[in-house]
Amino acid sequence: MTQIGTERCPCFQAACALADFRDVIGAREAEPLPRLWVARWSTMLVDPLDQETPEFLRSAVVIFGESKRQTTSTSVGGLFHRPRLSFSYLLAARRLIVSASDDRLDVVAIPAAYLQRHAFELGLKDLTRAAYEIERDRAWLAALEHDPTTAKLSDVRSGRGHVFESLTRRLAAALELVNYARPVLVAEMEAMGKRLTAIEGQQHTWFRYGSFDRPVVLELGSVQRDLEALFERELWIRDWAHACDSATVWAEMALESQSLAQDSYSIEKANGMTREIDNLDELI
């Protein structure tokens, strides 16, 4: 947990307050700081994260292959070095929180909270897109089986937006559309969405452009742990053997997606059809 914000909002006044605070420290170097000052200016992380990165975050960020040790430059993208963005943002939030926990977490609290929010938003969209891809691929296979010469591959529906309430409704509708309705999963997502929405005060842009007139307590540690548990439980499969043993909708859709791709490819190959793949998602 960390507390941010001051009673005097503008940046100039906040800077002046910090300068005044430093003067107080210099003048009273031998005296302990009053409790009020400590509560107002120090980072209060009473529920720190485990320093060890969970297995699912280490293994799930890069879809194909291993990342090489790098310094300050890197390459990303392409077939063999492709990040899964929802997991990338969640991992970035973890690393930011852990690295700042021993110093001044309040300085990076808002970026960390934004990374958590965006990770969850992309996780919602991952599930929604997976359902819409199933819809698209079922229609494509049916068209190929009917008449390969006239079959047309449609676009995948998009799940745009940033408001969790509407994104959760879209997820529920998408899952129901392809007969993967999961009321418990949707309720979990809805609860996390409400929790994050309450933090940002019903304004989805608050972490980017918000006002900090009053102190705000951010439970970064507990939110991170709960997001990681949710992602590992509902949005991750270790490998295909794990997928076969998993009862999650993510695993079930992954298995159906693989089956649809194999069946479609067999018909395409038998009919001499070639298709240029513009989107790497079609290879997953």
C-alpha atoms as a PDB file:
ATOM      1  CA  MET A   1       0.000   0.000   0.000  1.00  0.00           C
ATOM      2  CA  THR A   2       1.271   3.459  -0.779  1.00  0.00           C
ATOM      3  CA  GLN A   3      -0.159   6.913  -0.256  1.00  0.00           C
ATOM      4  CA  ILE A   4       0.260   9.627  -2.849  1.00  0.00           C
ATOM      5  CA  GLY A   5      -0.913  13.194  -3.246  1.00  0.00           C
ATOM      6  CA  THR A   6      -0.742  16.317  -1.130  1.00  0.00           C
ATOM      7  CA  GLU A   7      -3.295  18.808   0.017  1.00  0.00           C
ATOM      8  CA  ARG A   8      -1.717  21.396  -2.280  1.00  0.00           C
ATOM      9  CA  CYS A   9      -2.181  20.011  -5.770  1.00  0.00           C
ATOM     10  CA  PRO A  10      -0.171  22.067  -8.306  1.00  0.00           C
ATOM     11  CA  CYS A  11       3.311  20.831  -9.113  1.00  0.00           C
ATOM     12  CA  PHE A  12       4.959  24.102  -8.055  1.00  0.00           C
ATOM     13  CA  GLN A  13       3.311  24.049  -4.633  1.00  0.00           C
ATOM     14  CA  ALA A  14       4.189  20.381  -4.175  1.00  0.00           C
ATOM     15  CA  ALA A  15       7.830  21.164  -5.018  1.00  0.00           C
ATOM     16  CA  CYS A  16       7.830  24.043  -2.522  1.00  0.00           C
ATOM     17  CA  ALA A  17       6.351  21.757   0.132  1.00  0.00           C
ATOM     18  CA  LEU A  18       9.110  19.229  -0.501  1.00  0.00           C
ATOM     19  CA  ALA A  19      11.735  21.972  -0.193  1.00  0.00           C
ATOM     20  CA  ASP A  20      10.162  23.088   3.089  1.00  0.00           C
ATOM     21  CA  PHE A  21      10.217  19.490   4.273  1.00  0.00           C
ATOM     22  CA  ARG A  22      13.923  19.194   3.477  1.00  0.00           C
ATOM     23  CA  ASP A  23      14.533  22.408   5.465  1.00  0.00           C
ATOM     24  CA  VAL A  24      12.717  20.831   8.405  1.00  0.00           C
ATOM     25  CA  ILE A  25      14.925  17.764   8.185  1.00  0.00           C
ATOM     26  CA  GLY A  26      18.064  19.918   8.027  1.00  0.00           C
ATOM     27  CA  ALA A  27      17.018  22.044  10.995  1.00  0.00           C
ATOM     28  CA  ARG A  28      16.031  19.055  13.136  1.00  0.00           C
ATOM     29  CA  GLU A  29      18.616  16.561  12.080  1.00  0.00           C
ATOM     30  CA  ALA A  30      19.009  15.255  15.621  1.00  0.00           C
ATOM     31  CA  GLU A  31      15.277  14.942  16.281  1.00  0.00           C
ATOM     32  CA  PRO A  32      13.046  12.104  15.061  1.00  0.00           C
ATOM     33  CA  LEU A  33      10.450  13.146  12.501  1.00  0.00           C
ATOM     34  CA  PRO A  34       6.937  13.675  13.834  1.00  0.00           C
ATOM     35  CA  ARG A  35       4.553  10.857  12.973  1.00  0.00           C
ATOM     36  CA  LEU A  36       2.493  13.146  10.723  1.00  0.00           C
ATOM     37  CA  TRP A  37       5.481  13.821   8.491  1.00  0.00           C
ATOM     38  CA  VAL A  38       6.342  10.145   8.220  1.00  0.00           C
ATOM     39  CA  ALA A  39       2.790   9.224   7.270  1.00  0.00           C
ATOM     40  CA  ARG A  40       2.596  11.981   4.710  1.00  0.00           C
ATOM     41  CA  TRP A  41       5.943  11.724   2.990  1.00  0.00           C
ATOM     42  CA  SER A  42       7.141   8.163   3.274  1.00  0.00           C
ATOM     43  CA  THR A  43       6.153   5.159   1.238  1.00  0.00           C
ATOM     44  CA  MET A  44       3.934   2.805   3.193  1.00  0.00           C
ATOM     45  CA  LEU A  45       4.192  -0.657   1.626  1.00  0.00           C
ATOM     46  CA  VAL A  46       2.794  -2.804   4.396  1.00  0.00           C
ATOM     47  CA  ASP A  47       2.091  -5.773   2.123  1.00  0.00           C
ATOM     48  CA  PRO A  48       5.215  -6.273  -0.014  1.00  0.00           C
ATOM     49  CA  LEU A  49       5.356  -8.592  -3.020  1.00  0.00           C
ATOM     50  CA  ASP A  50       7.428 -11.735  -3.138  1.00  0.00           C
ATOM     51  CA  GLN A  51      10.664 -10.842  -4.942  1.00  0.00           C
ATOM     52  CA  GLU A  52      10.528 -14.004  -7.073  1.00  0.00           C
ATOM     53  CA  THR A  53       8.781 -13.633 -10.438  1.00  0.00           C
ATOM     54  CA  PRO A  54       6.041 -16.285 -10.809  1.00  0.00           C
ATOM     55  CA  GLU A  55       6.671 -19.047 -13.338  1.00  0.00           C
ATOM     56  CA  PHE A  56       3.705 -18.164 -15.514  1.00  0.00           C
ATOM     57  CA  LEU A  57       4.991 -14.601 -16.024  1.00  0.00           C
ATOM     58  CA  ARG A  58       8.527 -15.760 -16.816  1.00  0.00           C
ATOM     59  CA  SER A  59       7.372 -18.282 -19.395  1.00  0.00           C
ATOM     60  CA  ALA A  60       4.353 -16.614 -20.958  1.00  0.00           C
ATOM     61  CA  VAL A  61       5.602 -13.217 -22.078  1.00  0.00           C
ATOM     62  CA  VAL A  62       7.499 -14.455 -25.127  1.00  0.00           C
ATOM     63  CA  ILE A  63       5.383 -16.892 -27.122  1.00  0.00           C
ATOM     64  CA  PHE A  64       8.187 -18.597 -29.034  1.00  0.00           C
ATOM     65  CA  GLY A  65      11.752 -19.167 -27.848  1.00  0.00           C
ATOM     66  CA  GLU A  66      13.815 -17.729 -25.039  1.00  0.00           C
ATOM     67  CA  SER A  67      14.830 -14.123 -24.532  1.00  0.00           C
ATOM     68  CA  LYS A  68      18.551 -13.446 -24.657  1.00  0.00           C
ATOM     69  CA  ARG A  69      20.256 -11.371 -21.961  1.00  0.00           C
ATOM     70  CA  GLN A  70      20.147  -7.739 -23.068  1.00  0.00           C
ATOM     71  CA  THR A  71      21.312  -4.389 -21.746  1.00  0.00           C
ATOM     72  CA  THR A  72      19.518  -1.206 -22.785  1.00  0.00           C
ATOM     73  CA  SER A  73      18.488  -2.143 -26.319  1.00  0.00           C
ATOM     74  CA  THR A  74      16.282  -4.962 -27.505  1.00  0.00           C
ATOM     75  CA  SER A  75      14.227  -6.232 -30.408  1.00  0.00           C
ATOM     76  CA  VAL A  76      10.642  -7.354 -30.178  1.00  0.00           C
ATOM     77  CA  GLY A  77       8.093  -8.753 -32.586  1.00  0.00           C
ATOM     78  CA  GLY A  78       8.227 -11.200 -35.443  1.00  0.00           C
ATOM     79  CA  LEU A  79       7.370 -14.860 -35.362  1.00  0.00           C
ATOM     80  CA  PHE A  80       9.869 -15.995 -32.725  1.00  0.00           C
ATOM     81  CA  HIS A  81      10.047 -13.038 -30.352  1.00  0.00           C
ATOM     82  CA  ARG A  82       6.492 -11.930 -29.864  1.00  0.00           C
ATOM     83  CA  PRO A  83       5.237 -10.572 -26.544  1.00  0.00           C
ATOM     84  CA  ARG A  84       1.799 -11.232 -25.164  1.00  0.00           C
ATOM     85  CA  LEU A  85       1.005  -7.694 -24.157  1.00  0.00           C
ATOM     86  CA  SER A  86      -1.340  -8.384 -21.248  1.00  0.00           C
ATOM     87  CA  PHE A  87       1.362 -10.453 -19.559  1.00  0.00           C
ATOM     88  CA  SER A  88       4.083  -7.952 -20.502  1.00  0.00           C
ATOM     89  CA  TYR A  89       2.245  -5.122 -18.741  1.00  0.00           C
ATOM     90  CA  LEU A  90       1.563  -7.291 -15.687  1.00  0.00           C
ATOM     91  CA  LEU A  91       5.230  -8.276 -15.483  1.00  0.00           C
ATOM     92  CA  ALA A  92       6.285  -4.628 -15.919  1.00  0.00           C
ATOM     93  CA  ALA A  93       4.001  -3.620 -13.024  1.00  0.00           C
ATOM     94  CA  ARG A  94       5.534  -6.301 -10.809  1.00  0.00           C
ATOM     95  CA  ARG A  95       9.094  -5.284 -11.611  1.00  0.00           C
ATOM     96  CA  LEU A  96       8.367  -1.616 -11.032  1.00  0.00           C
ATOM     97  CA  ILE A  97       6.710  -2.254  -7.677  1.00  0.00           C
ATOM     98  CA  VAL A  98       9.399  -4.648  -6.448  1.00  0.00           C
ATOM     99  CA  SER A  99      12.299  -2.435  -7.567  1.00  0.00           C
ATOM    100  CA  ALA A 100      10.811   0.649  -5.870  1.00  0.00           C
ATOM    101  CA  SER A 101       9.579  -0.995  -2.679  1.00  0.00           C
ATOM    102  CA  ASP A 102      12.770  -0.342  -0.726  1.00  0.00           C
ATOM    103  CA  ASP A 103      13.024   3.297  -1.803  1.00  0.00           C
ATOM    104  CA  ARG A 104      10.164   5.589  -2.834  1.00  0.00           C
ATOM    105  CA  LEU A 105       7.254   3.600  -4.192  1.00  0.00           C
ATOM    106  CA  ASP A 106       5.044   6.701  -4.149  1.00  0.00           C
ATOM    107  CA  VAL A 107       7.173   8.250  -6.913  1.00  0.00           C
ATOM    108  CA  VAL A 108       6.246   5.461  -9.345  1.00  0.00           C
ATOM    109  CA  ALA A 109       2.906   4.436  -7.794  1.00  0.00           C
ATOM    110  CA  ILE A 110       0.722   5.923 -10.541  1.00  0.00           C
ATOM    111  CA  PRO A 111       2.699   4.354 -13.446  1.00  0.00           C
ATOM    112  CA  ALA A 112       2.613   1.011 -11.604  1.00  0.00           C
ATOM    113  CA  ALA A 113      -1.146   1.259 -11.063  1.00  0.00           C
ATOM    114  CA  TYR A 114      -1.632   2.178 -14.711  1.00  0.00           C
ATOM    115  CA  LEU A 115       0.354  -0.884 -15.804  1.00  0.00           C
ATOM    116  CA  GLN A 116      -1.881  -3.061 -13.625  1.00  0.00           C
ATOM    117  CA  ARG A 117      -5.002  -1.490 -15.083  1.00  0.00           C
ATOM    118  CA  HIS A 118      -3.827  -1.872 -18.661  1.00  0.00           C
ATOM    119  CA  ALA A 119      -2.758  -5.484 -18.092  1.00  0.00           C
ATOM    120  CA  PHE A 120      -6.258  -6.338 -16.880  1.00  0.00           C
ATOM    121  CA  GLU A 121      -7.882  -4.478 -19.773  1.00  0.00           C
ATOM    122  CA  LEU A 122      -5.765  -6.414 -22.280  1.00  0.00           C
ATOM    123  CA  GLY A 123      -6.510  -9.678 -20.457  1.00  0.00           C
ATOM    124  CA  LEU A 124     -10.234  -9.041 -20.908  1.00  0.00           C
ATOM    125  CA  LYS A 125      -9.643  -8.315 -24.567  1.00  0.00           C
ATOM    126  CA  ASP A 126      -7.487 -11.457 -24.959  1.00  0.00           C
ATOM    127  CA  LEU A 127     -10.410 -13.622 -23.874  1.00  0.00           C
ATOM    128  CA  THR A 128     -12.903 -11.700 -25.987  1.00  0.00           C
ATOM    129  CA  ARG A 129     -10.743 -11.863 -29.105  1.00  0.00           C
ATOM    130  CA  ALA A 130     -10.140 -15.584 -28.606  1.00  0.00           C
ATOM    131  CA  ALA A 131     -13.902 -16.155 -28.618  1.00  0.00           C
ATOM    132  CA  TYR A 132     -14.356 -14.030 -31.751  1.00  0.00           C
ATOM    133  CA  GLU A 133     -11.519 -15.925 -33.450  1.00  0.00           C
ATOM    134  CA  ILE A 134     -13.346 -19.179 -32.741  1.00  0.00           C
ATOM    135  CA  GLU A 135     -16.453 -17.666 -34.359  1.00  0.00           C
ATOM    136  CA  ARG A 136     -14.440 -16.612 -37.415  1.00  0.00           C
ATOM    137  CA  ASP A 137     -12.578 -19.918 -37.755  1.00  0.00           C
ATOM    138  CA  ARG A 138     -15.729 -22.025 -37.434  1.00  0.00           C
ATOM    139  CA  ALA A 139     -17.348 -20.018 -40.224  1.00  0.00           C
ATOM    140  CA  TRP A 140     -14.199 -20.348 -42.367  1.00  0.00           C
ATOM    141  CA  LEU A 141     -14.064 -24.133 -41.951  1.00  0.00           C
ATOM    142  CA  ALA A 142     -17.791 -24.451 -42.735  1.00  0.00           C
ATOM    143  CA  ALA A 143     -17.322 -22.359 -45.893  1.00  0.00           C
ATOM    144  CA  LEU A 144     -14.341 -24.485 -46.979  1.00  0.00           C
ATOM    145  CA  GLU A 145     -16.299 -27.693 -46.455  1.00  0.00           C
ATOM    146  CA  HIS A 146     -19.224 -26.310 -48.472  1.00  0.00           C
ATOM    147  CA  ASP A 147     -17.255 -24.901 -51.426  1.00  0.00           C
ATOM    148  CA  PRO A 148     -13.562 -24.029 -51.171  1.00  0.00           C
ATOM    149  CA  THR A 149     -13.693 -21.976 -54.371  1.00  0.00           C
ATOM    150  CA  THR A 150     -16.117 -19.424 -52.939  1.00  0.00           C
ATOM    151  CA  ALA A 151     -14.997 -19.419 -49.299  1.00  0.00           C
ATOM    152  CA  LYS A 152     -14.032 -16.031 -47.868  1.00  0.00           C
ATOM    153  CA  LEU A 153     -12.258 -15.452 -44.587  1.00  0.00           C
ATOM    154  CA  SER A 154     -13.961 -12.731 -42.577  1.00  0.00           C
ATOM    155  CA  ASP A 155     -12.309 -10.327 -40.168  1.00  0.00           C
ATOM    156  CA  VAL A 156     -12.282 -10.953 -36.433  1.00  0.00           C
ATOM    157  CA  ARG A 157     -14.598  -8.696 -34.463  1.00  0.00           C
ATOM    158  CA  SER A 158     -12.790  -6.195 -32.307  1.00  0.00           C
ATOM    159  CA  GLY A 159     -13.253  -5.509 -28.598  1.00  0.00           C
ATOM    160  CA  ARG A 160     -12.442  -1.830 -28.372  1.00  0.00           C
ATOM    161  CA  GLY A 161     -12.951   0.488 -25.427  1.00  0.00           C
ATOM    162  CA  HIS A 162     -11.487   1.111 -21.982  1.00  0.00           C
ATOM    163  CA  VAL A 163     -14.476   0.964 -19.610  1.00  0.00           C
ATOM    164  CA  PHE A 164     -14.416  -2.320 -17.709  1.00  0.00           C
ATOM    165  CA  GLU A 165     -18.188  -2.611 -17.343  1.00  0.00           C
ATOM    166  CA  SER A 166     -18.775  -2.570 -21.105  1.00  0.00           C
ATOM    167  CA  LEU A 167     -15.711  -4.746 -21.803  1.00  0.00           C
ATOM    168  CA  THR A 168     -16.987  -7.373 -19.355  1.00  0.00           C
ATOM    169  CA  ARG A 169     -20.422  -7.353 -20.999  1.00  0.00           C
ATOM    170  CA  ARG A 170     -18.766  -7.819 -24.385  1.00  0.00           C
ATOM    171  CA  LEU A 171     -16.731 -10.735 -23.032  1.00  0.00           C
ATOM    172  CA  ALA A 172     -19.858 -12.429 -21.669  1.00  0.00           C
ATOM    173  CA  ALA A 173     -21.638 -11.990 -25.014  1.00  0.00           C
ATOM    174  CA  ALA A 174     -18.643 -13.277 -27.007  1.00  0.00           C
ATOM    175  CA  LEU A 175     -18.301 -16.404 -24.854  1.00  0.00           C
ATOM    176  CA  GLU A 176     -22.024 -17.100 -25.079  1.00  0.00           C
ATOM    177  CA  LEU A 177     -21.912 -16.622 -28.858  1.00  0.00           C
ATOM    178  CA  VAL A 178     -19.490 -19.542 -29.272  1.00  0.00           C
ATOM    179  CA  ASN A 179     -21.091 -21.711 -26.551  1.00  0.00           C
ATOM    180  CA  TYR A 180     -18.359 -21.120 -23.993  1.00  0.00           C
ATOM    181  CA  ALA A 181     -20.490 -19.250 -21.469  1.00  0.00           C
ATOM    182  CA  ARG A 182     -18.722 -19.076 -18.098  1.00  0.00           C
ATOM    183  CA  PRO A 183     -20.751 -17.089 -15.540  1.00  0.00           C
ATOM    184  CA  VAL A 184     -18.168 -17.674 -12.776  1.00  0.00           C
ATOM    185  CA  LEU A 185     -15.306 -16.358 -14.955  1.00  0.00           C
ATOM    186  CA  VAL A 186     -17.326 -13.336 -16.024  1.00  0.00           C
ATOM    187  CA  ALA A 187     -18.231 -12.629 -12.386  1.00  0.00           C
ATOM    188  CA  GLU A 188     -14.531 -12.786 -11.457  1.00  0.00           C
ATOM    189  CA  MET A 189     -13.637 -10.357 -14.225  1.00  0.00           C
ATOM    190  CA  GLU A 190     -16.516  -8.087 -13.271  1.00  0.00           C
ATOM    191  CA  ALA A 191     -15.374  -8.005  -9.637  1.00  0.00           C
ATOM    192  CA  MET A 192     -11.789  -7.119 -10.568  1.00  0.00           C
ATOM    193  CA  GLY A 193     -13.062  -4.478 -12.999  1.00  0.00           C
ATOM    194  CA  LYS A 194     -15.175  -2.877 -10.264  1.00  0.00           C
ATOM    195  CA  ARG A 195     -12.228  -2.936  -7.888  1.00  0.00           C
ATOM    196  CA  LEU A 196      -9.928  -1.158 -10.340  1.00  0.00           C
ATOM    197  CA  THR A 197     -12.684   1.253 -11.378  1.00  0.00           C
ATOM    198  CA  ALA A 198     -13.201   2.234  -7.729  1.00  0.00           C
ATOM    199  CA  ILE A 199      -9.478   3.002  -7.425  1.00  0.00           C
ATOM    200  CA  GLU A 200      -9.569   5.330 -10.422  1.00  0.00           C
ATOM    201  CA  GLY A 201     -12.778   7.001  -9.267  1.00  0.00           C
ATOM    202  CA  GLN A 202     -14.881   5.916 -12.251  1.00  0.00           C
ATOM    203  CA  GLN A 203     -12.495   7.712 -14.649  1.00  0.00           C
ATOM    204  CA  HIS A 204     -10.566   5.362 -16.910  1.00  0.00           C
ATOM    205  CA  THR A 205      -8.046   8.114 -17.757  1.00  0.00           C
ATOM    206  CA  TRP A 206      -7.287   8.968 -14.114  1.00  0.00           C
ATOM    207  CA  PHE A 207      -3.911   7.188 -14.018  1.00  0.00           C
ATOM    208  CA  ARG A 208      -2.777   9.244 -17.018  1.00  0.00           C
ATOM    209  CA  TYR A 209      -4.368  12.645 -16.492  1.00  0.00           C
ATOM    210  CA  GLY A 210      -5.841  12.559 -12.999  1.00  0.00           C
ATOM    211  CA  SER A 211      -5.877  15.196 -10.296  1.00  0.00           C
ATOM    212  CA  PHE A 212      -4.188  14.414  -6.976  1.00  0.00           C
ATOM    213  CA  ASP A 213      -5.560  17.137  -4.741  1.00  0.00           C
ATOM    214  CA  ARG A 214      -6.094  14.666  -1.913  1.00  0.00           C
ATOM    215  CA  PRO A 215      -4.038  11.691  -0.741  1.00  0.00           C
ATOM    216  CA  VAL A 216      -5.013   8.401  -2.360  1.00  0.00           C
ATOM    217  CA  VAL A 217      -4.042   5.018  -0.938  1.00  0.00           C
ATOM    218  CA  LEU A 218      -3.058   2.445  -3.580  1.00  0.00           C
ATOM    219  CA  GLU A 219      -2.955  -1.207  -2.513  1.00  0.00           C
ATOM    220  CA  LEU A 220      -0.418  -2.060  -5.204  1.00  0.00           C
ATOM    221  CA  GLY A 221       0.847  -5.246  -3.569  1.00  0.00           C
ATOM    222  CA  SER A 222      -2.530  -6.905  -3.035  1.00  0.00           C
ATOM    223  CA  VAL A 223      -3.846  -5.836  -6.454  1.00  0.00           C
ATOM    224  CA  GLN A 224      -0.757  -7.270  -8.134  1.00  0.00           C
ATOM    225  CA  ARG A 225      -1.070 -10.574  -6.308  1.00  0.00           C
ATOM    226  CA  ASP A 226      -4.765 -10.900  -7.131  1.00  0.00           C
ATOM    227  CA  LEU A 227      -4.194 -10.018 -10.791  1.00  0.00           C
ATOM    228  CA  GLU A 228      -1.398 -12.568 -11.031  1.00  0.00           C
ATOM    229  CA  ALA A 229      -3.596 -15.263  -9.479  1.00  0.00           C
ATOM    230  CA  LEU A 230      -6.398 -14.406 -11.917  1.00  0.00           C
ATOM    231  CA  PHE A 231      -4.099 -14.445 -14.961  1.00  0.00           C
ATOM    232  CA  GLU A 232      -2.423 -17.706 -13.966  1.00  0.00           C
ATOM    233  CA  ARG A 233      -5.769 -19.381 -13.307  1.00  0.00           C
ATOM    234  CA  GLU A 234      -7.727 -18.145 -16.320  1.00  0.00           C
ATOM    235  CA  LEU A 235      -5.343 -16.879 -19.016  1.00  0.00           C
ATOM    236  CA  TRP A 236      -2.334 -19.180 -19.048  1.00  0.00           C
ATOM    237  CA  ILE A 237      -1.469 -22.661 -20.264  1.00  0.00           C
ATOM    238  CA  ARG A 238       2.022 -24.089 -19.785  1.00  0.00           C
ATOM    239  CA  ASP A 239       1.907 -26.307 -22.889  1.00  0.00           C
ATOM    240  CA  TRP A 240      -0.549 -28.410 -24.904  1.00  0.00           C
ATOM    241  CA  ALA A 241      -0.467 -31.223 -22.345  1.00  0.00           C
ATOM    242  CA  HIS A 242      -1.404 -28.660 -19.694  1.00  0.00           C
ATOM    243  CA  ALA A 243      -4.188 -27.383 -21.959  1.00  0.00           C
ATOM    244  CA  CYS A 244      -5.668 -30.870 -22.287  1.00  0.00           C
ATOM    245  CA  ASP A 245      -5.776 -31.222 -18.494  1.00  0.00           C
ATOM    246  CA  SER A 246      -7.084 -27.719 -17.826  1.00  0.00           C
ATOM    247  CA  ALA A 247     -10.750 -26.875 -17.377  1.00  0.00           C
ATOM    248  CA  THR A 248     -10.345 -23.161 -18.132  1.00  0.00           C
ATOM    249  CA  VAL A 249     -12.149 -21.567 -21.033  1.00  0.00           C
ATOM    250  CA  TRP A 250      -8.802 -20.239 -22.290  1.00  0.00           C
ATOM    251  CA  ALA A 251      -7.420 -23.783 -22.598  1.00  0.00           C
ATOM    252  CA  GLU A 252     -10.611 -25.120 -24.180  1.00  0.00           C
ATOM    253  CA  MET A 253     -10.657 -22.359 -26.773  1.00  0.00           C
ATOM    254  CA  ALA A 254      -6.943 -22.884 -27.489  1.00  0.00           C
ATOM    255  CA  LEU A 255      -7.551 -26.575 -28.192  1.00  0.00           C
ATOM    256  CA  GLU A 256     -10.519 -25.847 -30.461  1.00  0.00           C
ATOM    257  CA  SER A 257      -8.561 -23.125 -32.253  1.00  0.00           C
ATOM    258  CA  GLN A 258      -5.744 -25.579 -32.956  1.00  0.00           C
ATOM    259  CA  SER A 259      -8.195 -28.190 -34.231  1.00  0.00           C
ATOM    260  CA  LEU A 260      -9.970 -25.690 -36.502  1.00  0.00           C
ATOM    261  CA  ALA A 261      -6.645 -24.486 -37.907  1.00  0.00           C
ATOM    262  CA  GLN A 262      -5.514 -28.035 -38.694  1.00  0.00           C
ATOM    263  CA  ASP A 263      -8.803 -28.968 -40.374  1.00  0.00           C
ATOM    264  CA  SER A 264      -8.888 -25.760 -42.411  1.00  0.00           C
ATOM    265  CA  TYR A 265      -5.282 -26.158 -43.485  1.00  0.00           C
ATOM    266  CA  SER A 266      -5.923 -29.711 -44.710  1.00  0.00           C
ATOM    267  CA  ILE A 267      -8.733 -28.508 -46.992  1.00  0.00           C
ATOM    268  CA  GLU A 268      -6.752 -25.488 -48.171  1.00  0.00           C
ATOM    269  CA  LYS A 269      -3.741 -27.659 -48.995  1.00  0.00           C
ATOM    270  CA  ALA A 270      -5.856 -30.271 -50.804  1.00  0.00           C
ATOM    271  CA  ASN A 271      -7.345 -27.527 -52.990  1.00  0.00           C
ATOM    272  CA  GLY A 272      -4.073 -25.747 -53.674  1.00  0.00           C
ATOM    273  CA  MET A 273      -5.167 -22.678 -51.738  1.00  0.00           C
ATOM    274  CA  THR A 274      -2.547 -20.275 -50.426  1.00  0.00           C
ATOM    275  CA  ARG A 275      -3.339 -17.492 -48.035  1.00  0.00           C
ATOM    276  CA  GLU A 276      -1.048 -14.645 -47.058  1.00  0.00           C
ATOM    277  CA  ILE A 277      -1.123 -14.197 -43.312  1.00  0.00           C
ATOM    278  CA  ASP A 278      -1.142 -10.568 -42.296  1.00  0.00           C
ATOM    279  CA  ASN A 279      -1.758 -11.097 -38.621  1.00  0.00           C
ATOM    280  CA  LEU A 280       0.473 -13.231 -36.435  1.00  0.00           C
ATOM    281  CA  ASP A 281      -2.576 -14.106 -34.345  1.00  0.00           C
ATOM    282  CA  GLU A 282      -3.604 -16.473 -37.137  1.00  0.00           C
ATOM    283  CA  LEU A 283      -0.514 -18.562 -36.443  1.00  0.00           C
ATOM    284  CA  ILE A 284      -1.299 -19.130 -32.774  1.00  0.00           C
END
